[in-house]
Amino acid sequence: MVFAWKAAGITYNRYITVASRALRRSLKEDKRILAERRGESAEIKFAKWSNGKAGETVNLSSANAAAAAENATSVPSS
């Protein structure tokens, strides 16, 4: 049995993000606003592992912003 998100070719994290967004948008206005605020304020951190040891813990949103800025400057112009 293949899970629907695997069959669609997306990761589990992406599937959860899409499902959460759909659920928040289906709520009534007052509950939706509170749920959206909770979803935006989630602070996710990660660490790169090397040789069995965790590296520095980094905030995911700041790492994504830094990577986007780096990619924007390194894209060759055509």
PDB file of N, CA and C in Angstrom:
ATOM      1  N   MET A   1       0.844  -1.189   0.000  1.00  0.00           N
ATOM      2  CA  MET A   1       0.000   0.000   0.000  1.00  0.00           C
ATOM      3  C   MET A   1       0.882   1.243   0.000  1.00  0.00           C
ATOM      4  N   VAL A   2       0.623   2.126  -0.927  1.00  0.00           N
ATOM      5  CA  VAL A   2       1.385   3.367  -1.024  1.00  0.00           C
ATOM      6  C   VAL A   2       0.541   4.497  -0.455  1.00  0.00           C
ATOM      7  N   PHE A   3       1.156   5.315   0.378  1.00  0.00           N
ATOM      8  CA  PHE A   3       0.450   6.465   0.928  1.00  0.00           C
ATOM      9  C   PHE A   3       0.189   7.482  -0.178  1.00  0.00           C
ATOM     10  N   ALA A   4      -0.904   8.220  -0.042  1.00  0.00           N
ATOM     11  CA  ALA A   4      -1.295   9.185  -1.080  1.00  0.00           C
ATOM     12  C   ALA A   4      -0.227  10.241  -1.292  1.00  0.00           C
ATOM     13  N   TRP A   5       0.399  10.706  -0.220  1.00  0.00           N
ATOM     14  CA  TRP A   5       1.414  11.753  -0.366  1.00  0.00           C
ATOM     15  C   TRP A   5       2.642  11.217  -1.085  1.00  0.00           C
ATOM     16  N   LYS A   6       2.970   9.939  -0.880  1.00  0.00           N
ATOM     17  CA  LYS A   6       4.103   9.341  -1.603  1.00  0.00           C
ATOM     18  C   LYS A   6       3.763   9.190  -3.075  1.00  0.00           C
ATOM     19  N   ALA A   7       2.535   8.754  -3.345  1.00  0.00           N
ATOM     20  CA  ALA A   7       2.107   8.576  -4.732  1.00  0.00           C
ATOM     21  C   ALA A   7       2.084   9.908  -5.471  1.00  0.00           C
ATOM     22  N   ALA A   8       1.812  10.993  -4.740  1.00  0.00           N
ATOM     23  CA  ALA A   8       1.784  12.327  -5.346  1.00  0.00           C
ATOM     24  C   ALA A   8       3.193  12.878  -5.551  1.00  0.00           C
ATOM     25  N   GLY A   9       4.187  12.233  -4.967  1.00  0.00           N
ATOM     26  CA  GLY A   9       5.572  12.663  -5.157  1.00  0.00           C
ATOM     27  C   GLY A   9       5.988  13.805  -4.247  1.00  0.00           C
ATOM     28  N   ILE A  10       5.341  13.933  -3.080  1.00  0.00           N
ATOM     29  CA  ILE A  10       5.736  14.985  -2.145  1.00  0.00           C
ATOM     30  C   ILE A  10       6.235  14.350  -0.853  1.00  0.00           C
ATOM     31  N   THR A  11       6.949  15.122  -0.068  1.00  0.00           N
ATOM     32  CA  THR A  11       7.457  14.626   1.205  1.00  0.00           C
ATOM     33  C   THR A  11       6.343  14.667   2.247  1.00  0.00           C
ATOM     34  N   TYR A  12       6.555  13.938   3.322  1.00  0.00           N
ATOM     35  CA  TYR A  12       5.569  13.914   4.400  1.00  0.00           C
ATOM     36  C   TYR A  12       5.424  15.300   5.017  1.00  0.00           C
ATOM     37  N   ASN A  13       6.531  16.008   5.192  1.00  0.00           N
ATOM     38  CA  ASN A  13       6.461  17.353   5.769  1.00  0.00           C
ATOM     39  C   ASN A  13       5.643  18.294   4.889  1.00  0.00           C
ATOM     40  N   ARG A  14       5.821  18.199   3.589  1.00  0.00           N
ATOM     41  CA  ARG A  14       5.039  19.032   2.666  1.00  0.00           C
ATOM     42  C   ARG A  14       3.559  18.666   2.748  1.00  0.00           C
ATOM     43  N   TYR A  15       3.269  17.363   2.830  1.00  0.00           N
ATOM     44  CA  TYR A  15       1.893  16.888   2.955  1.00  0.00           C
ATOM     45  C   TYR A  15       1.236  17.467   4.210  1.00  0.00           C
ATOM     46  N   ILE A  16       1.938  17.418   5.332  1.00  0.00           N
ATOM     47  CA  ILE A  16       1.405  17.951   6.589  1.00  0.00           C
ATOM     48  C   ILE A  16       1.177  19.455   6.482  1.00  0.00           C
ATOM     49  N   THR A  17       2.088  20.165   5.831  1.00  0.00           N
ATOM     50  CA  THR A  17       1.940  21.606   5.644  1.00  0.00           C
ATOM     51  C   THR A  17       0.683  21.922   4.838  1.00  0.00           C
ATOM     52  N   VAL A  18       0.476  21.209   3.757  1.00  0.00           N
ATOM     53  CA  VAL A  18      -0.695  21.430   2.905  1.00  0.00           C
ATOM     54  C   VAL A  18      -1.978  21.095   3.663  1.00  0.00           C
ATOM     55  N   ALA A  19      -1.972  19.979   4.376  1.00  0.00           N
ATOM     56  CA  ALA A  19      -3.159  19.570   5.134  1.00  0.00           C
ATOM     57  C   ALA A  19      -3.479  20.571   6.244  1.00  0.00           C
ATOM     58  N   SER A  20      -2.456  21.070   6.923  1.00  0.00           N
ATOM     59  CA  SER A  20      -2.662  22.056   7.982  1.00  0.00           C
ATOM     60  C   SER A  20      -3.241  23.337   7.429  1.00  0.00           C
ATOM     61  N   ARG A  21      -2.701  23.785   6.311  1.00  0.00           N
ATOM     62  CA  ARG A  21      -3.200  25.012   5.682  1.00  0.00           C
ATOM     63  C   ARG A  21      -4.657  24.850   5.259  1.00  0.00           C
ATOM     64  N   ALA A  22      -5.003  23.698   4.692  1.00  0.00           N
ATOM     65  CA  ALA A  22      -6.388  23.445   4.275  1.00  0.00           C
ATOM     66  C   ALA A  22      -7.322  23.425   5.478  1.00  0.00           C
ATOM     67  N   LEU A  23      -6.886  22.820   6.571  1.00  0.00           N
ATOM     68  CA  LEU A  23      -7.703  22.779   7.775  1.00  0.00           C
ATOM     69  C   LEU A  23      -7.908  24.177   8.339  1.00  0.00           C
ATOM     70  N   ARG A  24      -6.842  24.966   8.429  1.00  0.00           N
ATOM     71  CA  ARG A  24      -6.966  26.331   8.962  1.00  0.00           C
ATOM     72  C   ARG A  24      -7.917  27.169   8.116  1.00  0.00           C
ATOM     73  N   ARG A  25      -7.845  27.016   6.804  1.00  0.00           N
ATOM     74  CA  ARG A  25      -8.704  27.804   5.913  1.00  0.00           C
ATOM     75  C   ARG A  25     -10.162  27.383   5.988  1.00  0.00           C
ATOM     76  N   SER A  26     -10.437  26.174   6.476  1.00  0.00           N
ATOM     77  CA  SER A  26     -11.818  25.707   6.564  1.00  0.00           C
ATOM     78  C   SER A  26     -12.510  26.150   7.850  1.00  0.00           C
ATOM     79  N   LEU A  27     -11.762  26.692   8.795  1.00  0.00           N
ATOM     80  CA  LEU A  27     -12.344  27.113  10.070  1.00  0.00           C
ATOM     81  C   LEU A  27     -13.122  28.410   9.922  1.00  0.00           C
ATOM     82  N   LYS A  28     -14.026  28.645  10.883  1.00  0.00           N
ATOM     83  CA  LYS A  28     -14.755  29.912  10.912  1.00  0.00           C
ATOM     84  C   LYS A  28     -13.759  31.023  11.214  1.00  0.00           C
ATOM     85  N   GLU A  29     -14.136  32.250  10.875  1.00  0.00           N
ATOM     86  CA  GLU A  29     -13.230  33.406  10.907  1.00  0.00           C
ATOM     87  C   GLU A  29     -12.476  33.557  12.230  1.00  0.00           C
ATOM     88  N   ASP A  30     -13.175  33.553  13.360  1.00  0.00           N
ATOM     89  CA  ASP A  30     -12.501  33.793  14.642  1.00  0.00           C
ATOM     90  C   ASP A  30     -11.504  32.688  14.983  1.00  0.00           C
ATOM     91  N   LYS A  31     -11.891  31.442  14.773  1.00  0.00           N
ATOM     92  CA  LYS A  31     -10.991  30.312  15.046  1.00  0.00           C
ATOM     93  C   LYS A  31      -9.860  30.256  14.020  1.00  0.00           C
ATOM     94  N   ARG A  32     -10.155  30.628  12.781  1.00  0.00           N
ATOM     95  CA  ARG A  32      -9.156  30.602  11.712  1.00  0.00           C
ATOM     96  C   ARG A  32      -8.021  31.575  12.010  1.00  0.00           C
ATOM     97  N   ILE A  33      -8.353  32.770  12.447  1.00  0.00           N
ATOM     98  CA  ILE A  33      -7.328  33.776  12.740  1.00  0.00           C
ATOM     99  C   ILE A  33      -6.392  33.284  13.839  1.00  0.00           C
ATOM    100  N   LEU A  34      -6.962  32.707  14.899  1.00  0.00           N
ATOM    101  CA  LEU A  34      -6.126  32.187  15.983  1.00  0.00           C
ATOM    102  C   LEU A  34      -5.237  31.042  15.498  1.00  0.00           C
ATOM    103  N   ALA A  35      -5.794  30.152  14.691  1.00  0.00           N
ATOM    104  CA  ALA A  35      -5.019  29.011  14.183  1.00  0.00           C
ATOM    105  C   ALA A  35      -3.908  29.469  13.254  1.00  0.00           C
ATOM    106  N   GLU A  36      -4.182  30.468  12.402  1.00  0.00           N
ATOM    107  CA  GLU A  36      -3.153  30.974  11.492  1.00  0.00           C
ATOM    108  C   GLU A  36      -2.016  31.618  12.261  1.00  0.00           C
ATOM    109  N   ARG A  37      -2.339  32.328  13.324  1.00  0.00           N
ATOM    110  CA  ARG A  37      -1.277  32.939  14.141  1.00  0.00           C
ATOM    111  C   ARG A  37      -0.403  31.872  14.778  1.00  0.00           C
ATOM    112  N   ARG A  38      -1.025  30.802  15.264  1.00  0.00           N
ATOM    113  CA  ARG A  38      -0.240  29.701  15.851  1.00  0.00           C
ATOM    114  C   ARG A  38       0.648  29.058  14.799  1.00  0.00           C
ATOM    115  N   GLY A  39       0.125  28.884  13.594  1.00  0.00           N
ATOM    116  CA  GLY A  39       0.889  28.251  12.528  1.00  0.00           C
ATOM    117  C   GLY A  39       2.063  29.095  12.063  1.00  0.00           C
ATOM    118  N   GLU A  40       1.890  30.410  12.051  1.00  0.00           N
ATOM    119  CA  GLU A  40       2.968  31.304  11.614  1.00  0.00           C
ATOM    120  C   GLU A  40       4.063  31.433  12.647  1.00  0.00           C
ATOM    121  N   SER A  41       3.701  31.285  13.908  1.00  0.00           N
ATOM    122  CA  SER A  41       4.678  31.519  14.964  1.00  0.00           C
ATOM    123  C   SER A  41       5.453  30.264  15.357  1.00  0.00           C
ATOM    124  N   ALA A  42       5.209  29.171  14.668  1.00  0.00           N
ATOM    125  CA  ALA A  42       5.922  27.936  14.992  1.00  0.00           C
ATOM    126  C   ALA A  42       7.418  28.140  14.767  1.00  0.00           C
ATOM    127  N   GLU A  43       8.179  27.848  15.771  1.00  0.00           N
ATOM    128  CA  GLU A  43       9.624  28.023  15.675  1.00  0.00           C
ATOM    129  C   GLU A  43      10.272  26.659  15.520  1.00  0.00           C
ATOM    130  N   ILE A  44      10.676  26.365  14.308  1.00  0.00           N
ATOM    131  CA  ILE A  44      11.277  25.067  14.008  1.00  0.00           C
ATOM    132  C   ILE A  44      12.788  25.257  13.911  1.00  0.00           C
ATOM    133  N   LYS A  45      13.505  24.392  14.584  1.00  0.00           N
ATOM    134  CA  LYS A  45      14.966  24.444  14.553  1.00  0.00           C
ATOM    135  C   LYS A  45      15.503  23.125  14.040  1.00  0.00           C
ATOM    136  N   PHE A  46      16.692  23.173  13.483  1.00  0.00           N
ATOM    137  CA  PHE A  46      17.343  21.956  13.012  1.00  0.00           C
ATOM    138  C   PHE A  46      18.841  22.071  13.237  1.00  0.00           C
ATOM    139  N   ALA A  47      19.490  20.928  13.167  1.00  0.00           N
ATOM    140  CA  ALA A  47      20.941  20.886  13.313  1.00  0.00           C
ATOM    141  C   ALA A  47      21.487  19.885  12.296  1.00  0.00           C
ATOM    142  N   LYS A  48      22.604  20.225  11.670  1.00  0.00           N
ATOM    143  CA  LYS A  48      23.276  19.285  10.785  1.00  0.00           C
ATOM    144  C   LYS A  48      24.114  18.348  11.639  1.00  0.00           C
ATOM    145  N   TRP A  49      24.066  17.080  11.291  1.00  0.00           N
ATOM    146  CA  TRP A  49      24.833  16.077  12.016  1.00  0.00           C
ATOM    147  C   TRP A  49      26.053  15.685  11.200  1.00  0.00           C
ATOM    148  N   SER A  50      27.190  15.563  11.881  1.00  0.00           N
ATOM    149  CA  SER A  50      28.422  15.157  11.236  1.00  0.00           C
ATOM    150  C   SER A  50      29.209  14.280  12.202  1.00  0.00           C
ATOM    151  N   ASN A  51      29.628  13.124  11.735  1.00  0.00           N
ATOM    152  CA  ASN A  51      30.400  12.182  12.556  1.00  0.00           C
ATOM    153  C   ASN A  51      29.670  11.805  13.844  1.00  0.00           C
ATOM    154  N   GLY A  52      28.348  11.683  13.770  1.00  0.00           N
ATOM    155  CA  GLY A  52      27.569  11.260  14.925  1.00  0.00           C
ATOM    156  C   GLY A  52      27.307  12.338  15.948  1.00  0.00           C
ATOM    157  N   LYS A  53      27.636  13.593  15.641  1.00  0.00           N
ATOM    158  CA  LYS A  53      27.417  14.675  16.599  1.00  0.00           C
ATOM    159  C   LYS A  53      26.619  15.792  15.930  1.00  0.00           C
ATOM    160  N   ALA A  54      25.700  16.364  16.699  1.00  0.00           N
ATOM    161  CA  ALA A  54      24.873  17.457  16.187  1.00  0.00           C
ATOM    162  C   ALA A  54      25.696  18.732  16.122  1.00  0.00           C
ATOM    163  N   GLY A  55      25.493  19.471  15.040  1.00  0.00           N
ATOM    164  CA  GLY A  55      26.156  20.757  14.899  1.00  0.00           C
ATOM    165  C   GLY A  55      25.338  21.852  15.582  1.00  0.00           C
ATOM    166  N   GLU A  56      25.576  23.060  15.179  1.00  0.00           N
ATOM    167  CA  GLU A  56      24.872  24.207  15.750  1.00  0.00           C
ATOM    168  C   GLU A  56      23.385  24.162  15.387  1.00  0.00           C
ATOM    169  N   THR A  57      22.512  24.448  16.365  1.00  0.00           N
ATOM    170  CA  THR A  57      21.083  24.492  16.123  1.00  0.00           C
ATOM    171  C   THR A  57      20.731  25.820  15.463  1.00  0.00           C
ATOM    172  N   VAL A  58      19.967  25.739  14.352  1.00  0.00           N
ATOM    173  CA  VAL A  58      19.640  26.919  13.561  1.00  0.00           C
ATOM    174  C   VAL A  58      18.124  27.009  13.400  1.00  0.00           C
ATOM    175  N   ASN A  59      17.589  28.226  13.459  1.00  0.00           N
ATOM    176  CA  ASN A  59      16.169  28.456  13.220  1.00  0.00           C
ATOM    177  C   ASN A  59      15.892  28.235  11.738  1.00  0.00           C
ATOM    178  N   LEU A  60      14.882  27.438  11.418  1.00  0.00           N
ATOM    179  CA  LEU A  60      14.595  27.068  10.040  1.00  0.00           C
ATOM    180  C   LEU A  60      14.221  28.267   9.179  1.00  0.00           C
ATOM    181  N   SER A  61      13.402  29.183   9.692  1.00  0.00           N
ATOM    182  CA  SER A  61      12.978  30.328   8.874  1.00  0.00           C
ATOM    183  C   SER A  61      14.150  31.243   8.538  1.00  0.00           C
ATOM    184  N   SER A  62      15.060  31.447   9.470  1.00  0.00           N
ATOM    185  CA  SER A  62      16.217  32.295   9.174  1.00  0.00           C
ATOM    186  C   SER A  62      17.175  31.591   8.211  1.00  0.00           C
ATOM    187  N   ALA A  63      17.303  30.267   8.327  1.00  0.00           N
ATOM    188  CA  ALA A  63      18.153  29.515   7.405  1.00  0.00           C
ATOM    189  C   ALA A  63      17.567  29.544   5.995  1.00  0.00           C
ATOM    190  N   ASN A  64      16.239  29.428   5.879  1.00  0.00           N
ATOM    191  CA  ASN A  64      15.595  29.505   4.568  1.00  0.00           C
ATOM    192  C   ASN A  64      15.777  30.881   3.945  1.00  0.00           C
ATOM    193  N   ALA A  65      15.649  31.932   4.746  1.00  0.00           N
ATOM    194  CA  ALA A  65      15.820  33.293   4.235  1.00  0.00           C
ATOM    195  C   ALA A  65      17.258  33.504   3.759  1.00  0.00           C
ATOM    196  N   ALA A  66      18.224  33.002   4.511  1.00  0.00           N
ATOM    197  CA  ALA A  66      19.628  33.143   4.125  1.00  0.00           C
ATOM    198  C   ALA A  66      19.916  32.373   2.842  1.00  0.00           C
ATOM    199  N   ALA A  67      19.351  31.162   2.716  1.00  0.00           N
ATOM    200  CA  ALA A  67      19.566  30.363   1.511  1.00  0.00           C
ATOM    201  C   ALA A  67      18.916  31.028   0.295  1.00  0.00           C
ATOM    202  N   ALA A  68      17.743  31.609   0.481  1.00  0.00           N
ATOM    203  CA  ALA A  68      17.054  32.287  -0.625  1.00  0.00           C
ATOM    204  C   ALA A  68      17.856  33.502  -1.085  1.00  0.00           C
ATOM    205  N   ALA A  69      18.404  34.250  -0.132  1.00  0.00           N
ATOM    206  CA  ALA A  69      19.211  35.418  -0.477  1.00  0.00           C
ATOM    207  C   ALA A  69      20.483  34.993  -1.204  1.00  0.00           C
ATOM    208  N   GLU A  70      21.091  33.904  -0.743  1.00  0.00           N
ATOM    209  CA  GLU A  70      22.308  33.401  -1.382  1.00  0.00           C
ATOM    210  C   GLU A  70      22.025  32.925  -2.801  1.00  0.00           C
ATOM    211  N   ASN A  71      20.911  32.220  -2.979  1.00  0.00           N
ATOM    212  CA  ASN A  71      20.548  31.730  -4.309  1.00  0.00           C
ATOM    213  C   ASN A  71      20.163  32.856  -5.249  1.00  0.00           C
ATOM    214  N   ALA A  72      19.576  33.905  -4.718  1.00  0.00           N
ATOM    215  CA  ALA A  72      19.170  35.038  -5.550  1.00  0.00           C
ATOM    216  C   ALA A  72      20.398  35.766  -6.102  1.00  0.00           C
ATOM    217  N   THR A  73      21.466  35.836  -5.338  1.00  0.00           N
ATOM    218  CA  THR A  73      22.668  36.536  -5.788  1.00  0.00           C
ATOM    219  C   THR A  73      23.554  35.661  -6.661  1.00  0.00           C
ATOM    220  N   SER A  74      23.417  34.318  -6.536  1.00  0.00           N
ATOM    221  CA  SER A  74      24.298  33.425  -7.291  1.00  0.00           C
ATOM    222  C   SER A  74      23.701  32.953  -8.615  1.00  0.00           C
ATOM    223  N   VAL A  75      22.471  33.356  -8.926  1.00  0.00           N
ATOM    224  CA  VAL A  75      21.841  32.944 -10.172  1.00  0.00           C
ATOM    225  C   VAL A  75      22.414  33.776 -11.317  1.00  0.00           C
ATOM    226  N   PRO A  76      22.981  33.109 -12.341  1.00  0.00           N
ATOM    227  CA  PRO A  76      23.558  33.870 -13.451  1.00  0.00           C
ATOM    228  C   PRO A  76      22.440  34.529 -14.276  1.00  0.00           C
ATOM    229  N   SER A  77      22.713  35.733 -14.750  1.00  0.00           N
ATOM    230  CA  SER A  77      21.713  36.424 -15.549  1.00  0.00           C
ATOM    231  C   SER A  77      21.827  35.976 -17.000  1.00  0.00           C
ATOM    232  N   SER A  78      20.669  35.842 -17.653  1.00  0.00           N
ATOM    233  CA  SER A  78      20.657  35.362 -19.034  1.00  0.00           C
ATOM    234  C   SER A  78      20.274  36.461 -19.965  1.00  0.00           C
TER     235      SER A  78
END
